[in-house]
């Protein structure tokens, strides 16, 4: 699920509020799984959001604007 949401973020197809949702999910996974792979999946996403949130938001806004232009043509 986190991977699918990340793919949507990469393509700019997500909504801004989904960034917070994804971050909350990573916090719920972190430290709550028997397998260390849960933490290993959560930490890079947390780092990405912490360090690049403005860029993620710009990508979403730009994608939305480009989609609106294409729809108008």
PDB file of N, CA and C in Angstrom:
ATOM      1  N   UNK A   1       0.815  -1.182   0.000  1.00  0.00           N
ATOM      2  CA  UNK A   1       0.000   0.000   0.000  1.00  0.00           C
ATOM      3  C   UNK A   1       0.868   1.260   0.000  1.00  0.00           C
ATOM      4  N   UNK A   2       1.903   1.278   0.832  1.00  0.00           N
ATOM      5  CA  UNK A   2       2.792   2.447   0.859  1.00  0.00           C
ATOM      6  C   UNK A   2       3.458   2.616  -0.502  1.00  0.00           C
ATOM      7  N   UNK A   3       3.823   1.511  -1.131  1.00  0.00           N
ATOM      8  CA  UNK A   3       4.474   1.581  -2.447  1.00  0.00           C
ATOM      9  C   UNK A   3       3.531   2.194  -3.474  1.00  0.00           C
ATOM     10  N   UNK A   4       2.281   1.769  -3.483  1.00  0.00           N
ATOM     11  CA  UNK A   4       1.326   2.315  -4.453  1.00  0.00           C
ATOM     12  C   UNK A   4       1.123   3.811  -4.234  1.00  0.00           C
ATOM     13  N   UNK A   5       1.061   4.226  -2.984  1.00  0.00           N
ATOM     14  CA  UNK A   5       0.901   5.649  -2.708  1.00  0.00           C
ATOM     15  C   UNK A   5       2.154   6.421  -3.130  1.00  0.00           C
ATOM     16  N   UNK A   6       3.325   5.839  -2.899  1.00  0.00           N
ATOM     17  CA  UNK A   6       4.568   6.489  -3.333  1.00  0.00           C
ATOM     18  C   UNK A   6       4.588   6.648  -4.853  1.00  0.00           C
ATOM     19  N   UNK A   7       4.132   5.643  -5.569  1.00  0.00           N
ATOM     20  CA  UNK A   7       4.068   5.737  -7.033  1.00  0.00           C
ATOM     21  C   UNK A   7       3.159   6.886  -7.457  1.00  0.00           C
ATOM     22  N   UNK A   8       2.041   7.050  -6.776  1.00  0.00           N
ATOM     23  CA  UNK A   8       1.143   8.160  -7.081  1.00  0.00           C
ATOM     24  C   UNK A   8       1.819   9.503  -6.798  1.00  0.00           C
ATOM     25  N   UNK A   9       2.584   9.576  -5.721  1.00  0.00           N
ATOM     26  CA  UNK A   9       3.315  10.806  -5.407  1.00  0.00           C
ATOM     27  C   UNK A   9       4.360  11.100  -6.470  1.00  0.00           C
ATOM     28  N   UNK A  10       5.080  10.082  -6.891  1.00  0.00           N
ATOM     29  CA  UNK A  10       6.124  10.258  -7.906  1.00  0.00           C
ATOM     30  C   UNK A  10       5.523  10.787  -9.207  1.00  0.00           C
ATOM     31  N   UNK A  11       4.379  10.246  -9.585  1.00  0.00           N
ATOM     32  CA  UNK A  11       3.734  10.676 -10.832  1.00  0.00           C
ATOM     33  C   UNK A  11       3.010  12.010 -10.674  1.00  0.00           C
ATOM     34  N   UNK A  12       2.861  12.482  -9.432  1.00  0.00           N
ATOM     35  CA  UNK A  12       2.148  13.733  -9.186  1.00  0.00           C
ATOM     36  C   UNK A  12       0.644  13.556  -9.170  1.00  0.00           C
ATOM     37  N   UNK A  13       0.179  12.322  -9.087  1.00  0.00           N
ATOM     38  CA  UNK A  13      -1.250  12.035  -9.157  1.00  0.00           C
ATOM     39  C   UNK A  13      -1.938  12.027  -7.794  1.00  0.00           C
ATOM     40  N   UNK A  14      -1.196  12.147  -6.730  1.00  0.00           N
ATOM     41  CA  UNK A  14      -1.770  12.104  -5.382  1.00  0.00           C
ATOM     42  C   UNK A  14      -2.386  13.453  -5.032  1.00  0.00           C
ATOM     43  N   UNK A  15      -3.108  13.469  -3.945  1.00  0.00           N
ATOM     44  CA  UNK A  15      -3.631  14.708  -3.376  1.00  0.00           C
ATOM     45  C   UNK A  15      -2.665  15.149  -2.277  1.00  0.00           C
ATOM     46  N   UNK A  16      -2.630  16.434  -1.989  1.00  0.00           N
ATOM     47  CA  UNK A  16      -1.723  16.966  -0.972  1.00  0.00           C
ATOM     48  C   UNK A  16      -1.937  16.274   0.378  1.00  0.00           C
ATOM     49  N   UNK A  17      -3.187  16.033   0.755  1.00  0.00           N
ATOM     50  CA  UNK A  17      -3.462  15.419   2.062  1.00  0.00           C
ATOM     51  C   UNK A  17      -2.916  13.995   2.155  1.00  0.00           C
ATOM     52  N   UNK A  18      -2.666  13.355   1.021  1.00  0.00           N
ATOM     53  CA  UNK A  18      -2.135  11.997   1.037  1.00  0.00           C
ATOM     54  C   UNK A  18      -0.699  11.944   1.560  1.00  0.00           C
ATOM     55  N   UNK A  19       0.006  13.054   1.494  1.00  0.00           N
ATOM     56  CA  UNK A  19       1.356  13.099   2.058  1.00  0.00           C
ATOM     57  C   UNK A  19       1.272  12.850   3.563  1.00  0.00           C
ATOM     58  N   UNK A  20       0.341  13.529   4.220  1.00  0.00           N
ATOM     59  CA  UNK A  20       0.158  13.335   5.665  1.00  0.00           C
ATOM     60  C   UNK A  20      -0.312  11.922   5.977  1.00  0.00           C
ATOM     61  N   UNK A  21      -1.213  11.406   5.164  1.00  0.00           N
ATOM     62  CA  UNK A  21      -1.705  10.044   5.372  1.00  0.00           C
ATOM     63  C   UNK A  21      -0.566   9.046   5.285  1.00  0.00           C
ATOM     64  N   UNK A  22       0.259   9.189   4.269  1.00  0.00           N
ATOM     65  CA  UNK A  22       1.388   8.284   4.096  1.00  0.00           C
ATOM     66  C   UNK A  22       2.350   8.391   5.273  1.00  0.00           C
ATOM     67  N   UNK A  23       2.608   9.604   5.726  1.00  0.00           N
ATOM     68  CA  UNK A  23       3.517   9.791   6.859  1.00  0.00           C
ATOM     69  C   UNK A  23       2.946   9.151   8.128  1.00  0.00           C
ATOM     70  N   UNK A  24       1.651   9.280   8.333  1.00  0.00           N
ATOM     71  CA  UNK A  24       1.008   8.665   9.498  1.00  0.00           C
ATOM     72  C   UNK A  24       1.086   7.143   9.438  1.00  0.00           C
ATOM     73  N   UNK A  25       0.899   6.587   8.258  1.00  0.00           N
ATOM     74  CA  UNK A  25       0.989   5.132   8.108  1.00  0.00           C
ATOM     75  C   UNK A  25       2.401   4.653   8.430  1.00  0.00           C
ATOM     76  N   UNK A  26       3.414   5.383   7.972  1.00  0.00           N
ATOM     77  CA  UNK A  26       4.789   4.958   8.265  1.00  0.00           C
ATOM     78  C   UNK A  26       5.057   4.994   9.763  1.00  0.00           C
ATOM     79  N   UNK A  27       4.461   5.956  10.470  1.00  0.00           N
ATOM     80  CA  UNK A  27       4.635   6.033  11.928  1.00  0.00           C
ATOM     81  C   UNK A  27       3.957   4.848  12.623  1.00  0.00           C
ATOM     82  N   UNK A  28       2.850   4.392  12.064  1.00  0.00           N
ATOM     83  CA  UNK A  28       2.153   3.243  12.640  1.00  0.00           C
ATOM     84  C   UNK A  28       2.908   1.945  12.381  1.00  0.00           C
ATOM     85  N   UNK A  29       3.577   1.856  11.248  1.00  0.00           N
ATOM     86  CA  UNK A  29       4.341   0.652  10.909  1.00  0.00           C
ATOM     87  C   UNK A  29       5.637   0.604  11.719  1.00  0.00           C
ATOM     88  N   UNK A  30       6.287   1.749  11.841  1.00  0.00           N
ATOM     89  CA  UNK A  30       7.589   1.829  12.513  1.00  0.00           C
ATOM     90  C   UNK A  30       7.499   1.325  13.954  1.00  0.00           C
ATOM     91  N   UNK A  31       8.300   0.317  14.243  1.00  0.00           N
ATOM     92  CA  UNK A  31       8.382  -0.206  15.594  1.00  0.00           C
ATOM     93  C   UNK A  31       7.225  -1.097  16.024  1.00  0.00           C
ATOM     94  N   UNK A  32       6.316  -1.396  15.108  1.00  0.00           N
ATOM     95  CA  UNK A  32       5.151  -2.198  15.470  1.00  0.00           C
ATOM     96  C   UNK A  32       5.062  -3.511  14.707  1.00  0.00           C
ATOM     97  N   UNK A  33       6.124  -3.886  14.034  1.00  0.00           N
ATOM     98  CA  UNK A  33       6.115  -5.152  13.308  1.00  0.00           C
ATOM     99  C   UNK A  33       7.188  -6.068  13.880  1.00  0.00           C
ATOM    100  N   UNK A  34       6.968  -7.351  13.750  1.00  0.00           N
ATOM    101  CA  UNK A  34       7.955  -8.326  14.206  1.00  0.00           C
ATOM    102  C   UNK A  34       9.174  -8.293  13.285  1.00  0.00           C
ATOM    103  N   UNK A  35       8.913  -8.106  12.015  1.00  0.00           N
ATOM    104  CA  UNK A  35       9.973  -8.116  11.006  1.00  0.00           C
ATOM    105  C   UNK A  35      10.572  -6.715  10.853  1.00  0.00           C
ATOM    106  N   UNK A  36      11.860  -6.648  10.708  1.00  0.00           N
ATOM    107  CA  UNK A  36      12.546  -5.361  10.531  1.00  0.00           C
ATOM    108  C   UNK A  36      12.236  -4.720   9.186  1.00  0.00           C
ATOM    109  N   UNK A  37      11.634  -5.459   8.276  1.00  0.00           N
ATOM    110  CA  UNK A  37      11.316  -4.888   6.972  1.00  0.00           C
ATOM    111  C   UNK A  37      10.265  -3.780   7.069  1.00  0.00           C
ATOM    112  N   UNK A  38       9.440  -3.811   8.095  1.00  0.00           N
ATOM    113  CA  UNK A  38       8.479  -2.722   8.288  1.00  0.00           C
ATOM    114  C   UNK A  38       9.188  -1.402   8.521  1.00  0.00           C
ATOM    115  N   UNK A  39      10.153  -1.408   9.436  1.00  0.00           N
ATOM    116  CA  UNK A  39      10.952  -0.202   9.678  1.00  0.00           C
ATOM    117  C   UNK A  39      11.739   0.178   8.434  1.00  0.00           C
ATOM    118  N   UNK A  40      12.276  -0.821   7.755  1.00  0.00           N
ATOM    119  CA  UNK A  40      13.079  -0.562   6.558  1.00  0.00           C
ATOM    120  C   UNK A  40      12.244   0.070   5.455  1.00  0.00           C
ATOM    121  N   UNK A  41      10.965  -0.206   5.423  1.00  0.00           N
ATOM    122  CA  UNK A  41      10.084   0.416   4.433  1.00  0.00           C
ATOM    123  C   UNK A  41       9.649   1.810   4.873  1.00  0.00           C
ATOM    124  N   UNK A  42       9.486   2.003   6.172  1.00  0.00           N
ATOM    125  CA  UNK A  42       8.963   3.272   6.682  1.00  0.00           C
ATOM    126  C   UNK A  42       9.999   4.394   6.686  1.00  0.00           C
ATOM    127  N   UNK A  43      11.215   4.092   7.085  1.00  0.00           N
ATOM    128  CA  UNK A  43      12.216   5.150   7.273  1.00  0.00           C
ATOM    129  C   UNK A  43      12.550   5.942   6.012  1.00  0.00           C
ATOM    130  N   UNK A  44      12.757   5.320   4.866  1.00  0.00           N
ATOM    131  CA  UNK A  44      13.055   6.134   3.680  1.00  0.00           C
ATOM    132  C   UNK A  44      11.902   7.068   3.306  1.00  0.00           C
ATOM    133  N   UNK A  45      10.686   6.605   3.487  1.00  0.00           N
ATOM    134  CA  UNK A  45       9.529   7.446   3.174  1.00  0.00           C
ATOM    135  C   UNK A  45       9.456   8.619   4.145  1.00  0.00           C
ATOM    136  N   UNK A  46       9.708   8.361   5.419  1.00  0.00           N
ATOM    137  CA  UNK A  46       9.718   9.440   6.407  1.00  0.00           C
ATOM    138  C   UNK A  46      10.789  10.473   6.058  1.00  0.00           C
ATOM    139  N   UNK A  47      11.960   9.999   5.670  1.00  0.00           N
ATOM    140  CA  UNK A  47      13.039  10.913   5.293  1.00  0.00           C
ATOM    141  C   UNK A  47      12.697  11.731   4.066  1.00  0.00           C
ATOM    142  N   UNK A  48      12.067  11.085   3.093  1.00  0.00           N
ATOM    143  CA  UNK A  48      11.665  11.785   1.881  1.00  0.00           C
ATOM    144  C   UNK A  48      10.684  12.903   2.209  1.00  0.00           C
ATOM    145  N   UNK A  49       9.680  12.590   3.003  1.00  0.00           N
ATOM    146  CA  UNK A  49       8.677  13.594   3.356  1.00  0.00           C
ATOM    147  C   UNK A  49       9.304  14.712   4.190  1.00  0.00           C
ATOM    148  N   UNK A  50      10.144  14.347   5.130  1.00  0.00           N
ATOM    149  CA  UNK A  50      10.782  15.348   5.991  1.00  0.00           C
ATOM    150  C   UNK A  50      11.650  16.312   5.182  1.00  0.00           C
ATOM    151  N   UNK A  51      12.405  15.795   4.233  1.00  0.00           N
ATOM    152  CA  UNK A  51      13.380  16.617   3.518  1.00  0.00           C
ATOM    153  C   UNK A  51      12.887  17.202   2.200  1.00  0.00           C
ATOM    154  N   UNK A  52      11.857  16.617   1.612  1.00  0.00           N
ATOM    155  CA  UNK A  52      11.443  17.043   0.276  1.00  0.00           C
ATOM    156  C   UNK A  52       9.949  17.316   0.152  1.00  0.00           C
ATOM    157  N   UNK A  53       9.264  17.540   1.252  1.00  0.00           N
ATOM    158  CA  UNK A  53       7.821  17.776   1.181  1.00  0.00           C
ATOM    159  C   UNK A  53       7.455  18.922   0.226  1.00  0.00           C
ATOM    160  N   UNK A  54       8.148  20.062   0.264  1.00  0.00           N
ATOM    161  CA  UNK A  54       7.788  21.136  -0.675  1.00  0.00           C
ATOM    162  C   UNK A  54       7.894  20.695  -2.138  1.00  0.00           C
ATOM    163  N   UNK A  55       8.893  19.906  -2.466  1.00  0.00           N
ATOM    164  CA  UNK A  55       9.043  19.416  -3.835  1.00  0.00           C
ATOM    165  C   UNK A  55       7.911  18.457  -4.200  1.00  0.00           C
ATOM    166  N   UNK A  56       7.528  17.604  -3.278  1.00  0.00           N
ATOM    167  CA  UNK A  56       6.413  16.682  -3.522  1.00  0.00           C
ATOM    168  C   UNK A  56       5.138  17.480  -3.776  1.00  0.00           C
ATOM    169  N   UNK A  57       4.899  18.493  -2.961  1.00  0.00           N
ATOM    170  CA  UNK A  57       3.704  19.324  -3.132  1.00  0.00           C
ATOM    171  C   UNK A  57       3.741  20.056  -4.469  1.00  0.00           C
ATOM    172  N   UNK A  58       4.905  20.580  -4.859  1.00  0.00           N
ATOM    173  CA  UNK A  58       5.029  21.261  -6.158  1.00  0.00           C
ATOM    174  C   UNK A  58       4.725  20.307  -7.305  1.00  0.00           C
ATOM    175  N   UNK A  59       5.202  19.073  -7.194  1.00  0.00           N
ATOM    176  CA  UNK A  59       4.964  18.083  -8.248  1.00  0.00           C
ATOM    177  C   UNK A  59       3.464  17.806  -8.391  1.00  0.00           C
ATOM    178  N   UNK A  60       2.781  17.691  -7.264  1.00  0.00           N
ATOM    179  CA  UNK A  60       1.339  17.437  -7.297  1.00  0.00           C
ATOM    180  C   UNK A  60       0.607  18.618  -7.930  1.00  0.00           C
ATOM    181  N   UNK A  61       0.951  19.830  -7.506  1.00  0.00           N
ATOM    182  CA  UNK A  61       0.304  21.030  -8.045  1.00  0.00           C
ATOM    183  C   UNK A  61       0.592  21.164  -9.540  1.00  0.00           C
ATOM    184  N   UNK A  62       1.826  20.921  -9.952  1.00  0.00           N
ATOM    185  CA  UNK A  62       2.190  21.019 -11.368  1.00  0.00           C
ATOM    186  C   UNK A  62       1.440  19.985 -12.197  1.00  0.00           C
ATOM    187  N   UNK A  63       1.326  18.783 -11.689  1.00  0.00           N
ATOM    188  CA  UNK A  63       0.599  17.741 -12.418  1.00  0.00           C
ATOM    189  C   UNK A  63      -0.866  18.123 -12.566  1.00  0.00           C
ATOM    190  N   UNK A  64      -1.441  18.651 -11.502  1.00  0.00           N
ATOM    191  CA  UNK A  64      -2.847  19.059 -11.543  1.00  0.00           C
ATOM    192  C   UNK A  64      -3.043  20.180 -12.567  1.00  0.00           C
ATOM    193  N   UNK A  65      -2.114  21.145 -12.597  1.00  0.00           N
ATOM    194  CA  UNK A  65      -2.212  22.251 -13.553  1.00  0.00           C
ATOM    195  C   UNK A  65      -2.071  21.746 -14.984  1.00  0.00           C
ATOM    196  N   UNK A  66      -1.122  20.845 -15.215  1.00  0.00           N
ATOM    197  CA  UNK A  66      -0.928  20.289 -16.556  1.00  0.00           C
ATOM    198  C   UNK A  66      -2.152  19.494 -16.995  1.00  0.00           C
ATOM    199  N   UNK A  67      -2.752  18.772 -16.081  1.00  0.00           N
ATOM    200  CA  UNK A  67      -3.952  17.995 -16.400  1.00  0.00           C
ATOM    201  C   UNK A  67      -5.112  18.918 -16.759  1.00  0.00           C
ATOM    202  N   UNK A  68      -5.217  20.048 -16.067  1.00  0.00           N
ATOM    203  CA  UNK A  68      -6.280  21.008 -16.353  1.00  0.00           C
ATOM    204  C   UNK A  68      -6.097  21.621 -17.735  1.00  0.00           C
ATOM    205  N   UNK A  69      -4.860  21.912 -18.107  1.00  0.00           N
ATOM    206  CA  UNK A  69      -4.574  22.480 -19.429  1.00  0.00           C
ATOM    207  C   UNK A  69      -4.920  21.466 -20.513  1.00  0.00           C
ATOM    208  N   UNK A  70      -4.520  20.220 -20.314  1.00  0.00           N
ATOM    209  CA  UNK A  70      -4.817  19.174 -21.297  1.00  0.00           C
ATOM    210  C   UNK A  70      -6.319  18.976 -21.451  1.00  0.00           C
ATOM    211  N   UNK A  71      -7.040  19.044 -20.357  1.00  0.00           N
ATOM    212  CA  UNK A  71      -8.491  18.861 -20.405  1.00  0.00           C
ATOM    213  C   UNK A  71      -9.168  20.017 -21.138  1.00  0.00           C
ATOM    214  N   UNK A  72      -8.584  21.211 -21.038  1.00  0.00           N
ATOM    215  CA  UNK A  72      -9.165  22.389 -21.674  1.00  0.00           C
ATOM    216  C   UNK A  72      -8.919  22.414 -23.181  1.00  0.00           C
ATOM    217  N   UNK A  73      -7.923  21.689 -23.630  1.00  0.00           N
ATOM    218  CA  UNK A  73      -7.575  21.726 -25.066  1.00  0.00           C
ATOM    219  C   UNK A  73      -8.458  20.860 -25.897  1.00  0.00           C
TER     220      UNK A  73
END
